[in-house]
Each structure stands twice: as C-alpha cells, then as structure tokens.
Amino acid sequence: MILKPYAFTSPLARYGYDLDAFPFDDAYLDRLLRLMGRDRTGIDLHDFTQDHFNLLYGFVQGEAREAAFPSVEEETKTLTRAQDAAWKLLEALNTVRLTGAAGQRLKAEAEALPDRRFERNGVTVADLFAGPDFDPQSPLRALLFDLRVALQRAKIEKPRDLPAPFDGTDTSAKEQADRWIRLVARDDDPEQRYRDRHAEHGHSANFGLTVFAWRLWDMWQKYSDLPFTEGRYESAQVNYNSPTVDFAETCLKAFGAKYPRSLIAKRLRQVRELAAAEEAQ
C-alpha cells in the first residue's frame, strides 16, 4: 500500500497503533487527491505519503496528550482539596493556640529557628503569627484567605446563586468561610468568565483535532489550489459544503476518530483565521 510504508510502523506502535489496521487503500488515496483537486500524475506520491503520515502522527500525539488532560470535574476537585487544606491549616493552628502553652511555644520556636528557610524583605515565619494570641487578622490568615480566593477563581464553575446571607446560627464556621470566599471571588461578569474558561478548556479537550487541523493547513497549501475553507452550513443534508471539510472528515474517520462535522468545520475555521492573522503581521 502506498500510504503504509514499513518505516511508519514503529512510530505508531509506540502509541499502541497498528499501521496495518488503518484502511489506507487505493480508493482512500484517490479520494483524498480528488478532494484536493489533484490526481496521482500531478504530485510526488512519496512526499504525499510522508505528509499524510504527519497528519496521522500529529493526531495520534495530540490524542495521547489530550488523554492526559484532566476533566473540568477533576480540576475542580483538585482546587477544592487545596482550598480545604488551607482551611484545615488555619483550624489546626487555632487548635494549637488553644492547647495549653503550645501556641506560645510555637511562636517562640518560630522566632528562634536555627536554620530559617523563609525570610522575605525582613519578614519571617514568626511575623506571620503577628499579634497577641494568634490575632485572627494575622498575616498568615490574610495570606491563606487570598490563596483560597485565588483557588476559587481558578475553578471552571457555572455561576450559581449564593445561599442566603449567613447569620452564624445555621451553618458551620467552614460553611460560612466557604460562602464568603465564593462571594469575594466573583467578578463583574461571572457568566462570561465561565463561558470563556469553558471554551478554553474545550479547546484543549480536542487537542488531537487541533494538531490535525494545523498540519492540514500546511499540507493543503502544498498540494491544493482550492481554498482552505470550512465552507458554509446549508442544510442538515449538505452540512458545511467544503472539500477541505470532506478531506478532513475522510482522514479522521480513517484514523478512527468520531468528531461531528460541525466541530471539524469550526476547528478548520479557527486555524484559517489564526493563520491569516499571523500572515498579516
């Protein structure tokens, strides 16, 4: 098979793919060339084979990287665990303060550390416990508060109404603190922030398709005189009438991918617009 030289076997095997399993037959090759407005007599088949493999290999590598990306839910759980850890540290230190003379010994030992690993602009660990009896407004408490707010803002969470204002009678101290963190972390347009973050994460979630689209852009300029375009949505039957989309869909199906045609068209449009912007600079 023209599109299955032996040299491509080992690179694909590293990602768990068998080159012989791909349906790269003569009919597939001729369809790709036809969609580019070419035939076998007008191109260097050796170069085309290498460039087609680059499409496949880029997609495979992108899929492997995509598989390592955590989901939004996994990210949120990780950020929440860090928030809870910051709260637990404050609670633990407060318990130390209330445990006999342990709090005062902690402050004394923090001031007398023999080998300090932290000191910034004259500020030491002991200074973080400033104030009498671990002042609730100590620098350490402020630092951890800012950290918890930053962790909250790093989440991709659909905005929701906050619970009714707390009065301290029906909720725990942690629930009150979490509610306050969520309130402070909000910005002027939480809905837009959520949409932007979710779209950004979705772009990463289809990384294999993104790599494929960029490599197809280079390949299309090399072999085809037809415009690289996502076409136009005309009807459910036509659905983005474009030889570029047809080419991409044919390849991706042969690669074993199952992207909706609308997503393929969207990614090709993004690549075309970004490439045009780069050329205009």
C-alpha atoms as a PDB file:
ATOM      1  CA  MET A   1       0.000   0.000   0.000  1.00  0.00           C
ATOM      2  CA  ILE A   2       1.319   3.418  -0.980  1.00  0.00           C
ATOM      3  CA  LEU A   3       0.251   5.062   2.292  1.00  0.00           C
ATOM      4  CA  LYS A   4       1.597   2.255   4.504  1.00  0.00           C
ATOM      5  CA  PRO A   5       5.396   2.124   4.193  1.00  0.00           C
ATOM      6  CA  TYR A   6       7.113  -0.081   6.754  1.00  0.00           C
ATOM      7  CA  ALA A   7       9.064   2.865   8.200  1.00  0.00           C
ATOM      8  CA  PHE A   8       5.835   4.215   9.743  1.00  0.00           C
ATOM      9  CA  THR A   9       5.129   1.035  11.709  1.00  0.00           C
ATOM     10  CA  SER A  10       7.423   1.629  14.690  1.00  0.00           C
ATOM     11  CA  PRO A  11       6.454   5.272  15.463  1.00  0.00           C
ATOM     12  CA  LEU A  12       2.766   4.348  15.553  1.00  0.00           C
ATOM     13  CA  ALA A  13       3.417   1.229  17.630  1.00  0.00           C
ATOM     14  CA  ARG A  14       4.850   3.431  20.387  1.00  0.00           C
ATOM     15  CA  TYR A  15       1.348   4.862  20.810  1.00  0.00           C
ATOM     16  CA  GLY A  16      -0.347   1.474  20.587  1.00  0.00           C
ATOM     17  CA  TYR A  17      -1.454   1.729  16.937  1.00  0.00           C
ATOM     18  CA  ASP A  18      -1.070  -0.909  14.227  1.00  0.00           C
ATOM     19  CA  LEU A  19      -0.403   0.649  10.813  1.00  0.00           C
ATOM     20  CA  ASP A  20      -1.916  -2.360   9.037  1.00  0.00           C
ATOM     21  CA  ALA A  21      -5.230  -1.761  10.800  1.00  0.00           C
ATOM     22  CA  PHE A  22      -5.809   1.595   9.079  1.00  0.00           C
ATOM     23  CA  PRO A  23      -7.963   1.497   5.896  1.00  0.00           C
ATOM     24  CA  PHE A  24      -5.441   3.339   3.720  1.00  0.00           C
ATOM     25  CA  ASP A  25      -6.222   1.574   0.418  1.00  0.00           C
ATOM     26  CA  ASP A  26      -6.010   2.871  -3.153  1.00  0.00           C
ATOM     27  CA  ALA A  27      -9.614   4.099  -3.130  1.00  0.00           C
ATOM     28  CA  TYR A  28      -8.869   6.139   0.013  1.00  0.00           C
ATOM     29  CA  LEU A  29      -5.788   7.694  -1.606  1.00  0.00           C
ATOM     30  CA  ASP A  30      -7.652   8.574  -4.801  1.00  0.00           C
ATOM     31  CA  ARG A  31     -10.496  10.154  -2.812  1.00  0.00           C
ATOM     32  CA  LEU A  32      -8.081  12.370  -0.883  1.00  0.00           C
ATOM     33  CA  LEU A  33      -6.372  13.502  -4.081  1.00  0.00           C
ATOM     34  CA  ARG A  34      -9.717  14.159  -5.768  1.00  0.00           C
ATOM     35  CA  LEU A  35     -10.866  16.322  -2.851  1.00  0.00           C
ATOM     36  CA  MET A  36      -7.684  18.375  -3.268  1.00  0.00           C
ATOM     37  CA  GLY A  37      -8.368  18.732  -6.982  1.00  0.00           C
ATOM     38  CA  ARG A  38      -5.413  16.514  -7.906  1.00  0.00           C
ATOM     39  CA  ASP A  39      -4.613  13.029  -9.156  1.00  0.00           C
ATOM     40  CA  ARG A  40      -1.624  10.693  -8.953  1.00  0.00           C
ATOM     41  CA  THR A  41       0.077  12.067 -12.044  1.00  0.00           C
ATOM     42  CA  GLY A  42       0.392  15.591 -10.694  1.00  0.00           C
ATOM     43  CA  ILE A  43       2.104  15.038  -7.355  1.00  0.00           C
ATOM     44  CA  ASP A  44       5.077  13.355  -5.751  1.00  0.00           C
ATOM     45  CA  LEU A  45       3.465  10.340  -4.097  1.00  0.00           C
ATOM     46  CA  HIS A  46       6.452   9.836  -1.791  1.00  0.00           C
ATOM     47  CA  ASP A  47       6.051  13.361  -0.399  1.00  0.00           C
ATOM     48  CA  PHE A  48       2.279  12.979  -0.165  1.00  0.00           C
ATOM     49  CA  THR A  49       2.679   9.734   1.766  1.00  0.00           C
ATOM     50  CA  GLN A  50       5.030  11.424   4.252  1.00  0.00           C
ATOM     51  CA  ASP A  51       2.704  14.395   4.675  1.00  0.00           C
ATOM     52  CA  HIS A  52      -0.311  12.130   5.146  1.00  0.00           C
ATOM     53  CA  PHE A  53       1.603  10.262   7.845  1.00  0.00           C
ATOM     54  CA  ASN A  54       2.412  13.591   9.514  1.00  0.00           C
ATOM     55  CA  LEU A  55      -1.338  14.233   9.684  1.00  0.00           C
ATOM     56  CA  LEU A  56      -1.906  10.864  11.312  1.00  0.00           C
ATOM     57  CA  TYR A  57       1.084  11.052  13.641  1.00  0.00           C
ATOM     58  CA  GLY A  58       0.229  14.570  14.783  1.00  0.00           C
ATOM     59  CA  PHE A  59      -3.307  13.453  15.507  1.00  0.00           C
ATOM     60  CA  VAL A  60      -2.098  10.403  17.443  1.00  0.00           C
ATOM     61  CA  GLN A  61       0.313  12.505  19.508  1.00  0.00           C
ATOM     62  CA  GLY A  62      -2.411  15.074  20.169  1.00  0.00           C
ATOM     63  CA  GLU A  63      -4.806  12.340  21.268  1.00  0.00           C
ATOM     64  CA  ALA A  64      -2.191  10.999  23.676  1.00  0.00           C
ATOM     65  CA  ARG A  65      -1.637  14.440  25.161  1.00  0.00           C
ATOM     66  CA  GLU A  66      -5.386  15.029  25.309  1.00  0.00           C
ATOM     67  CA  ALA A  67      -5.847  11.813  27.268  1.00  0.00           C
ATOM     68  CA  ALA A  68      -3.564  13.243  29.962  1.00  0.00           C
ATOM     69  CA  PHE A  69      -5.666  16.404  30.353  1.00  0.00           C
ATOM     70  CA  PRO A  70      -7.850  16.348  33.476  1.00  0.00           C
ATOM     71  CA  SER A  71     -11.561  16.977  33.077  1.00  0.00           C
ATOM     72  CA  VAL A  72     -13.221  20.111  34.434  1.00  0.00           C
ATOM     73  CA  GLU A  73     -14.584  17.991  37.283  1.00  0.00           C
ATOM     74  CA  GLU A  74     -11.121  16.640  38.115  1.00  0.00           C
ATOM     75  CA  GLU A  75      -9.635  20.150  38.067  1.00  0.00           C
ATOM     76  CA  THR A  76     -12.397  21.444  40.328  1.00  0.00           C
ATOM     77  CA  LYS A  77     -11.910  18.632  42.833  1.00  0.00           C
ATOM     78  CA  THR A  78      -8.164  19.316  42.963  1.00  0.00           C
ATOM     79  CA  LEU A  79      -8.665  23.044  43.536  1.00  0.00           C
ATOM     80  CA  THR A  80     -11.297  22.368  46.191  1.00  0.00           C
ATOM     81  CA  ARG A  81      -8.968  19.979  48.021  1.00  0.00           C
ATOM     82  CA  ALA A  82      -6.338  22.723  48.119  1.00  0.00           C
ATOM     83  CA  GLN A  83      -8.923  25.178  49.490  1.00  0.00           C
ATOM     84  CA  ASP A  84      -9.933  22.701  52.172  1.00  0.00           C
ATOM     85  CA  ALA A  85      -6.282  22.124  53.058  1.00  0.00           C
ATOM     86  CA  ALA A  86      -5.776  25.859  53.587  1.00  0.00           C
ATOM     87  CA  TRP A  87      -8.831  25.975  55.840  1.00  0.00           C
ATOM     88  CA  LYS A  88      -7.686  22.917  57.800  1.00  0.00           C
ATOM     89  CA  LEU A  89      -4.296  24.543  58.366  1.00  0.00           C
ATOM     90  CA  LEU A  90      -5.969  27.581  59.906  1.00  0.00           C
ATOM     91  CA  GLU A  91      -8.182  25.384  62.050  1.00  0.00           C
ATOM     92  CA  ALA A  92      -5.217  23.274  63.159  1.00  0.00           C
ATOM     93  CA  LEU A  93      -3.208  26.361  64.128  1.00  0.00           C
ATOM     94  CA  ASN A  94      -6.184  27.717  66.031  1.00  0.00           C
ATOM     95  CA  THR A  95      -6.370  24.416  67.918  1.00  0.00           C
ATOM     96  CA  VAL A  96      -2.668  24.730  68.729  1.00  0.00           C
ATOM     97  CA  ARG A  97      -3.305  28.240  70.076  1.00  0.00           C
ATOM     98  CA  LEU A  98      -5.945  26.882  72.439  1.00  0.00           C
ATOM     99  CA  THR A  99      -3.924  23.867  73.604  1.00  0.00           C
ATOM    100  CA  GLY A 100      -2.224  24.830  76.836  1.00  0.00           C
ATOM    101  CA  ALA A 101       1.047  26.659  76.277  1.00  0.00           C
ATOM    102  CA  ALA A 102       1.639  25.025  72.887  1.00  0.00           C
ATOM    103  CA  GLY A 103       0.695  28.179  70.991  1.00  0.00           C
ATOM    104  CA  GLN A 104       3.197  30.340  72.810  1.00  0.00           C
ATOM    105  CA  ARG A 105       5.922  27.725  72.381  1.00  0.00           C
ATOM    106  CA  LEU A 106       5.164  27.625  68.649  1.00  0.00           C
ATOM    107  CA  LYS A 107       5.598  31.394  68.401  1.00  0.00           C
ATOM    108  CA  ALA A 108       8.796  31.277  70.421  1.00  0.00           C
ATOM    109  CA  GLU A 109      10.262  28.464  68.327  1.00  0.00           C
ATOM    110  CA  ALA A 110       9.271  30.235  65.095  1.00  0.00           C
ATOM    111  CA  GLU A 111      11.248  33.270  66.264  1.00  0.00           C
ATOM    112  CA  ALA A 112      14.259  31.142  67.238  1.00  0.00           C
ATOM    113  CA  LEU A 113      14.516  28.857  64.221  1.00  0.00           C
ATOM    114  CA  PRO A 114      18.202  27.876  63.906  1.00  0.00           C
ATOM    115  CA  ASP A 115      18.175  27.469  60.102  1.00  0.00           C
ATOM    116  CA  ARG A 116      15.495  29.625  58.513  1.00  0.00           C
ATOM    117  CA  ARG A 117      14.390  28.637  55.031  1.00  0.00           C
ATOM    118  CA  PHE A 118      11.948  31.532  54.667  1.00  0.00           C
ATOM    119  CA  GLU A 119      12.688  35.212  55.071  1.00  0.00           C
ATOM    120  CA  ARG A 120      11.496  37.816  52.585  1.00  0.00           C
ATOM    121  CA  ASN A 121      12.214  41.517  52.998  1.00  0.00           C
ATOM    122  CA  GLY A 122      12.768  41.019  56.690  1.00  0.00           C
ATOM    123  CA  VAL A 123       9.526  39.047  57.159  1.00  0.00           C
ATOM    124  CA  THR A 124       9.914  35.647  58.835  1.00  0.00           C
ATOM    125  CA  VAL A 125       7.601  32.789  59.751  1.00  0.00           C
ATOM    126  CA  ALA A 126       7.302  34.265  63.241  1.00  0.00           C
ATOM    127  CA  ASP A 127       5.951  37.501  61.729  1.00  0.00           C
ATOM    128  CA  LEU A 128       3.155  35.545  60.066  1.00  0.00           C
ATOM    129  CA  PHE A 129       1.804  34.833  63.550  1.00  0.00           C
ATOM    130  CA  ALA A 130       1.813  38.537  64.420  1.00  0.00           C
ATOM    131  CA  GLY A 131      -0.475  39.886  67.098  1.00  0.00           C
ATOM    132  CA  PRO A 132      -1.369  38.673  70.555  1.00  0.00           C
ATOM    133  CA  ASP A 133      -2.557  35.099  70.853  1.00  0.00           C
ATOM    134  CA  PHE A 134      -2.520  34.481  67.074  1.00  0.00           C
ATOM    135  CA  ASP A 135      -4.507  37.557  66.097  1.00  0.00           C
ATOM    136  CA  PRO A 136      -7.391  36.481  63.774  1.00  0.00           C
ATOM    137  CA  GLN A 137      -6.192  39.177  61.381  1.00  0.00           C
ATOM    138  CA  SER A 138      -2.634  37.861  61.322  1.00  0.00           C
ATOM    139  CA  PRO A 139      -0.662  37.981  58.054  1.00  0.00           C
ATOM    140  CA  LEU A 140      -0.855  34.197  57.813  1.00  0.00           C
ATOM    141  CA  ARG A 141      -4.648  34.274  57.928  1.00  0.00           C
ATOM    142  CA  ALA A 142      -4.720  37.004  55.261  1.00  0.00           C
ATOM    143  CA  LEU A 143      -2.272  35.064  53.104  1.00  0.00           C
ATOM    144  CA  LEU A 144      -4.333  31.883  53.259  1.00  0.00           C
ATOM    145  CA  PHE A 145      -7.526  33.836  52.606  1.00  0.00           C
ATOM    146  CA  ASP A 146      -6.037  35.272  49.414  1.00  0.00           C
ATOM    147  CA  LEU A 147      -4.862  31.800  48.438  1.00  0.00           C
ATOM    148  CA  ARG A 148      -8.347  30.348  48.880  1.00  0.00           C
ATOM    149  CA  VAL A 149      -9.888  33.164  46.819  1.00  0.00           C
ATOM    150  CA  ALA A 150      -7.338  32.590  44.040  1.00  0.00           C
ATOM    151  CA  LEU A 151      -8.110  28.863  44.074  1.00  0.00           C
ATOM    152  CA  GLN A 152     -11.820  29.639  43.807  1.00  0.00           C
ATOM    153  CA  ARG A 153     -11.260  31.951  40.843  1.00  0.00           C
ATOM    154  CA  ALA A 154      -9.169  29.264  39.131  1.00  0.00           C
ATOM    155  CA  LYS A 155     -12.170  26.931  39.005  1.00  0.00           C
ATOM    156  CA  ILE A 156     -14.372  26.473  35.940  1.00  0.00           C
ATOM    157  CA  GLU A 157     -17.740  26.518  37.653  1.00  0.00           C
ATOM    158  CA  LYS A 158     -21.079  27.621  36.310  1.00  0.00           C
ATOM    159  CA  PRO A 159     -22.157  30.612  38.419  1.00  0.00           C
ATOM    160  CA  ARG A 160     -24.930  29.859  40.856  1.00  0.00           C
ATOM    161  CA  ASP A 161     -26.834  31.875  43.407  1.00  0.00           C
ATOM    162  CA  LEU A 162     -25.145  32.119  46.760  1.00  0.00           C
ATOM    163  CA  PRO A 163     -27.067  30.834  49.779  1.00  0.00           C
ATOM    164  CA  ALA A 164     -28.958  33.346  51.849  1.00  0.00           C
ATOM    165  CA  PRO A 165     -26.792  35.742  53.906  1.00  0.00           C
ATOM    166  CA  PHE A 166     -25.355  33.888  56.854  1.00  0.00           C
ATOM    167  CA  ASP A 167     -26.016  34.900  60.410  1.00  0.00           C
ATOM    168  CA  GLY A 168     -23.829  32.301  62.066  1.00  0.00           C
ATOM    169  CA  THR A 169     -26.703  30.350  63.566  1.00  0.00           C
ATOM    170  CA  ASP A 170     -27.465  27.668  60.986  1.00  0.00           C
ATOM    171  CA  THR A 171     -24.104  26.966  59.384  1.00  0.00           C
ATOM    172  CA  SER A 172     -20.687  25.756  60.477  1.00  0.00           C
ATOM    173  CA  ALA A 173     -17.657  28.029  60.541  1.00  0.00           C
ATOM    174  CA  LYS A 174     -16.294  26.327  57.412  1.00  0.00           C
ATOM    175  CA  GLU A 175     -19.577  26.761  55.522  1.00  0.00           C
ATOM    176  CA  GLN A 176     -19.596  30.436  56.398  1.00  0.00           C
ATOM    177  CA  ALA A 177     -15.953  30.794  55.335  1.00  0.00           C
ATOM    178  CA  ASP A 178     -16.562  28.967  52.036  1.00  0.00           C
ATOM    179  CA  ARG A 179     -19.582  31.153  51.298  1.00  0.00           C
ATOM    180  CA  TRP A 180     -17.549  34.280  51.935  1.00  0.00           C
ATOM    181  CA  ILE A 181     -14.738  33.027  49.674  1.00  0.00           C
ATOM    182  CA  ARG A 182     -17.194  32.408  46.829  1.00  0.00           C
ATOM    183  CA  LEU A 183     -18.638  35.892  47.267  1.00  0.00           C
ATOM    184  CA  VAL A 184     -15.253  37.651  47.249  1.00  0.00           C
ATOM    185  CA  ALA A 185     -14.036  35.573  44.280  1.00  0.00           C
ATOM    186  CA  ARG A 186     -16.796  36.796  41.981  1.00  0.00           C
ATOM    187  CA  ASP A 187     -16.125  39.355  39.279  1.00  0.00           C
ATOM    188  CA  ASP A 188     -18.393  41.700  37.313  1.00  0.00           C
ATOM    189  CA  ASP A 189     -19.452  39.097  34.750  1.00  0.00           C
ATOM    190  CA  PRO A 190     -19.195  35.570  36.163  1.00  0.00           C
ATOM    191  CA  GLU A 191     -21.250  34.106  33.298  1.00  0.00           C
ATOM    192  CA  GLN A 192     -18.829  35.412  30.673  1.00  0.00           C
ATOM    193  CA  ARG A 193     -15.873  34.266  32.748  1.00  0.00           C
ATOM    194  CA  TYR A 194     -17.370  30.786  32.917  1.00  0.00           C
ATOM    195  CA  ARG A 195     -18.049  30.677  29.158  1.00  0.00           C
ATOM    196  CA  ASP A 196     -14.531  31.857  28.304  1.00  0.00           C
ATOM    197  CA  ARG A 197     -12.873  29.371  30.658  1.00  0.00           C
ATOM    198  CA  HIS A 198     -15.079  26.513  29.490  1.00  0.00           C
ATOM    199  CA  ALA A 199     -14.361  27.273  25.835  1.00  0.00           C
ATOM    200  CA  GLU A 200     -10.645  27.448  26.602  1.00  0.00           C
ATOM    201  CA  HIS A 201     -10.781  24.064  28.311  1.00  0.00           C
ATOM    202  CA  GLY A 202     -12.825  22.620  25.443  1.00  0.00           C
ATOM    203  CA  HIS A 203     -10.130  23.701  23.010  1.00  0.00           C
ATOM    204  CA  SER A 204      -7.617  21.663  24.995  1.00  0.00           C
ATOM    205  CA  ALA A 205     -10.055  18.764  25.189  1.00  0.00           C
ATOM    206  CA  ASN A 206      -9.917  18.364  21.388  1.00  0.00           C
ATOM    207  CA  PHE A 207      -6.162  18.735  21.113  1.00  0.00           C
ATOM    208  CA  GLY A 208      -5.775  15.876  18.626  1.00  0.00           C
ATOM    209  CA  LEU A 209      -8.148  17.648  16.239  1.00  0.00           C
ATOM    210  CA  THR A 210      -6.302  20.926  16.722  1.00  0.00           C
ATOM    211  CA  VAL A 211      -2.926  19.425  15.799  1.00  0.00           C
ATOM    212  CA  PHE A 212      -4.514  17.699  12.820  1.00  0.00           C
ATOM    213  CA  ALA A 213      -6.095  20.954  11.578  1.00  0.00           C
ATOM    214  CA  TRP A 214      -2.806  22.888  11.725  1.00  0.00           C
ATOM    215  CA  ARG A 215      -0.937  20.182   9.853  1.00  0.00           C
ATOM    216  CA  LEU A 216      -3.715  20.002   7.282  1.00  0.00           C
ATOM    217  CA  TRP A 217      -3.356  23.757   6.752  1.00  0.00           C
ATOM    218  CA  ASP A 218       0.297  23.283   5.744  1.00  0.00           C
ATOM    219  CA  MET A 219      -0.475  20.244   3.611  1.00  0.00           C
ATOM    220  CA  TRP A 220      -3.356  21.976   1.799  1.00  0.00           C
ATOM    221  CA  GLN A 221      -1.165  24.918   0.805  1.00  0.00           C
ATOM    222  CA  LYS A 222       1.389  22.491  -0.612  1.00  0.00           C
ATOM    223  CA  TYR A 223      -0.872  20.280  -2.710  1.00  0.00           C
ATOM    224  CA  SER A 224      -4.133  22.045  -3.490  1.00  0.00           C
ATOM    225  CA  ASP A 225      -5.091  25.139  -5.440  1.00  0.00           C
ATOM    226  CA  LEU A 226      -8.544  25.065  -3.851  1.00  0.00           C
ATOM    227  CA  PRO A 227      -9.217  27.479  -0.973  1.00  0.00           C
ATOM    228  CA  PHE A 228      -8.760  26.147   2.553  1.00  0.00           C
ATOM    229  CA  THR A 229     -12.222  26.801   3.896  1.00  0.00           C
ATOM    230  CA  GLU A 230     -14.761  25.328   6.263  1.00  0.00           C
ATOM    231  CA  GLY A 231     -17.485  26.128   3.734  1.00  0.00           C
ATOM    232  CA  ARG A 232     -20.965  27.210   4.690  1.00  0.00           C
ATOM    233  CA  TYR A 233     -23.719  25.452   6.542  1.00  0.00           C
ATOM    234  CA  GLU A 234     -26.538  25.000   4.042  1.00  0.00           C
ATOM    235  CA  SER A 235     -28.759  22.255   5.422  1.00  0.00           C
ATOM    236  CA  ALA A 236     -28.729  19.126   7.539  1.00  0.00           C
ATOM    237  CA  GLN A 237     -28.069  17.164   4.353  1.00  0.00           C
ATOM    238  CA  VAL A 238     -25.257  19.337   2.958  1.00  0.00           C
ATOM    239  CA  ASN A 239     -23.788  20.413   6.329  1.00  0.00           C
ATOM    240  CA  TYR A 240     -20.752  22.586   5.516  1.00  0.00           C
ATOM    241  CA  ASN A 241     -20.230  22.175   1.793  1.00  0.00           C
ATOM    242  CA  SER A 242     -16.434  22.212   1.530  1.00  0.00           C
ATOM    243  CA  PRO A 243     -13.829  19.880   0.015  1.00  0.00           C
ATOM    244  CA  THR A 244     -11.499  20.797   2.910  1.00  0.00           C
ATOM    245  CA  VAL A 245     -14.040  19.563   5.446  1.00  0.00           C
ATOM    246  CA  ASP A 246     -14.675  16.476   3.290  1.00  0.00           C
ATOM    247  CA  PHE A 247     -10.919  15.767   3.201  1.00  0.00           C
ATOM    248  CA  ALA A 248     -10.543  16.249   6.961  1.00  0.00           C
ATOM    249  CA  GLU A 249     -13.576  14.110   7.742  1.00  0.00           C
ATOM    250  CA  THR A 250     -12.357  11.334   5.430  1.00  0.00           C
ATOM    251  CA  CYS A 251      -8.942  11.274   7.113  1.00  0.00           C
ATOM    252  CA  LEU A 252     -10.273  11.445  10.650  1.00  0.00           C
ATOM    253  CA  LYS A 253     -12.747   8.627  10.062  1.00  0.00           C
ATOM    254  CA  ALA A 254      -9.912   6.521   8.654  1.00  0.00           C
ATOM    255  CA  PHE A 255      -7.893   7.398  11.767  1.00  0.00           C
ATOM    256  CA  GLY A 256     -10.730   6.054  13.920  1.00  0.00           C
ATOM    257  CA  ALA A 257     -11.912   9.455  15.204  1.00  0.00           C
ATOM    258  CA  LYS A 258     -15.586  10.333  15.602  1.00  0.00           C
ATOM    259  CA  TYR A 259     -15.835  14.124  15.549  1.00  0.00           C
ATOM    260  CA  PRO A 260     -19.079  15.771  14.440  1.00  0.00           C
ATOM    261  CA  ARG A 261     -18.720  17.527  11.114  1.00  0.00           C
ATOM    262  CA  SER A 262     -19.667  20.844  12.712  1.00  0.00           C
ATOM    263  CA  LEU A 263     -16.716  20.596  15.139  1.00  0.00           C
ATOM    264  CA  ILE A 264     -14.315  19.789  12.297  1.00  0.00           C
ATOM    265  CA  ALA A 265     -15.563  22.830  10.375  1.00  0.00           C
ATOM    266  CA  LYS A 266     -15.220  25.035  13.457  1.00  0.00           C
ATOM    267  CA  ARG A 267     -11.635  23.969  14.082  1.00  0.00           C
ATOM    268  CA  LEU A 268     -10.671  24.489  10.414  1.00  0.00           C
ATOM    269  CA  ARG A 269     -12.167  27.986  10.574  1.00  0.00           C
ATOM    270  CA  GLN A 270     -10.176  28.801  13.707  1.00  0.00           C
ATOM    271  CA  VAL A 271      -6.949  27.629  12.068  1.00  0.00           C
ATOM    272  CA  ARG A 272      -7.679  29.577   8.879  1.00  0.00           C
ATOM    273  CA  GLU A 273      -8.390  32.778  10.805  1.00  0.00           C
ATOM    274  CA  LEU A 274      -5.326  32.421  13.048  1.00  0.00           C
ATOM    275  CA  ALA A 275      -3.073  31.655  10.076  1.00  0.00           C
ATOM    276  CA  ALA A 276      -4.412  34.678   8.211  1.00  0.00           C
ATOM    277  CA  ALA A 277      -3.798  36.894  11.261  1.00  0.00           C
ATOM    278  CA  GLU A 278      -0.217  35.633  11.569  1.00  0.00           C
ATOM    279  CA  GLU A 279       0.449  36.295   7.870  1.00  0.00           C
ATOM    280  CA  ALA A 280      -0.916  39.833   8.208  1.00  0.00           C
ATOM    281  CA  GLN A 281       1.555  40.712  10.972  1.00  0.00           C
END
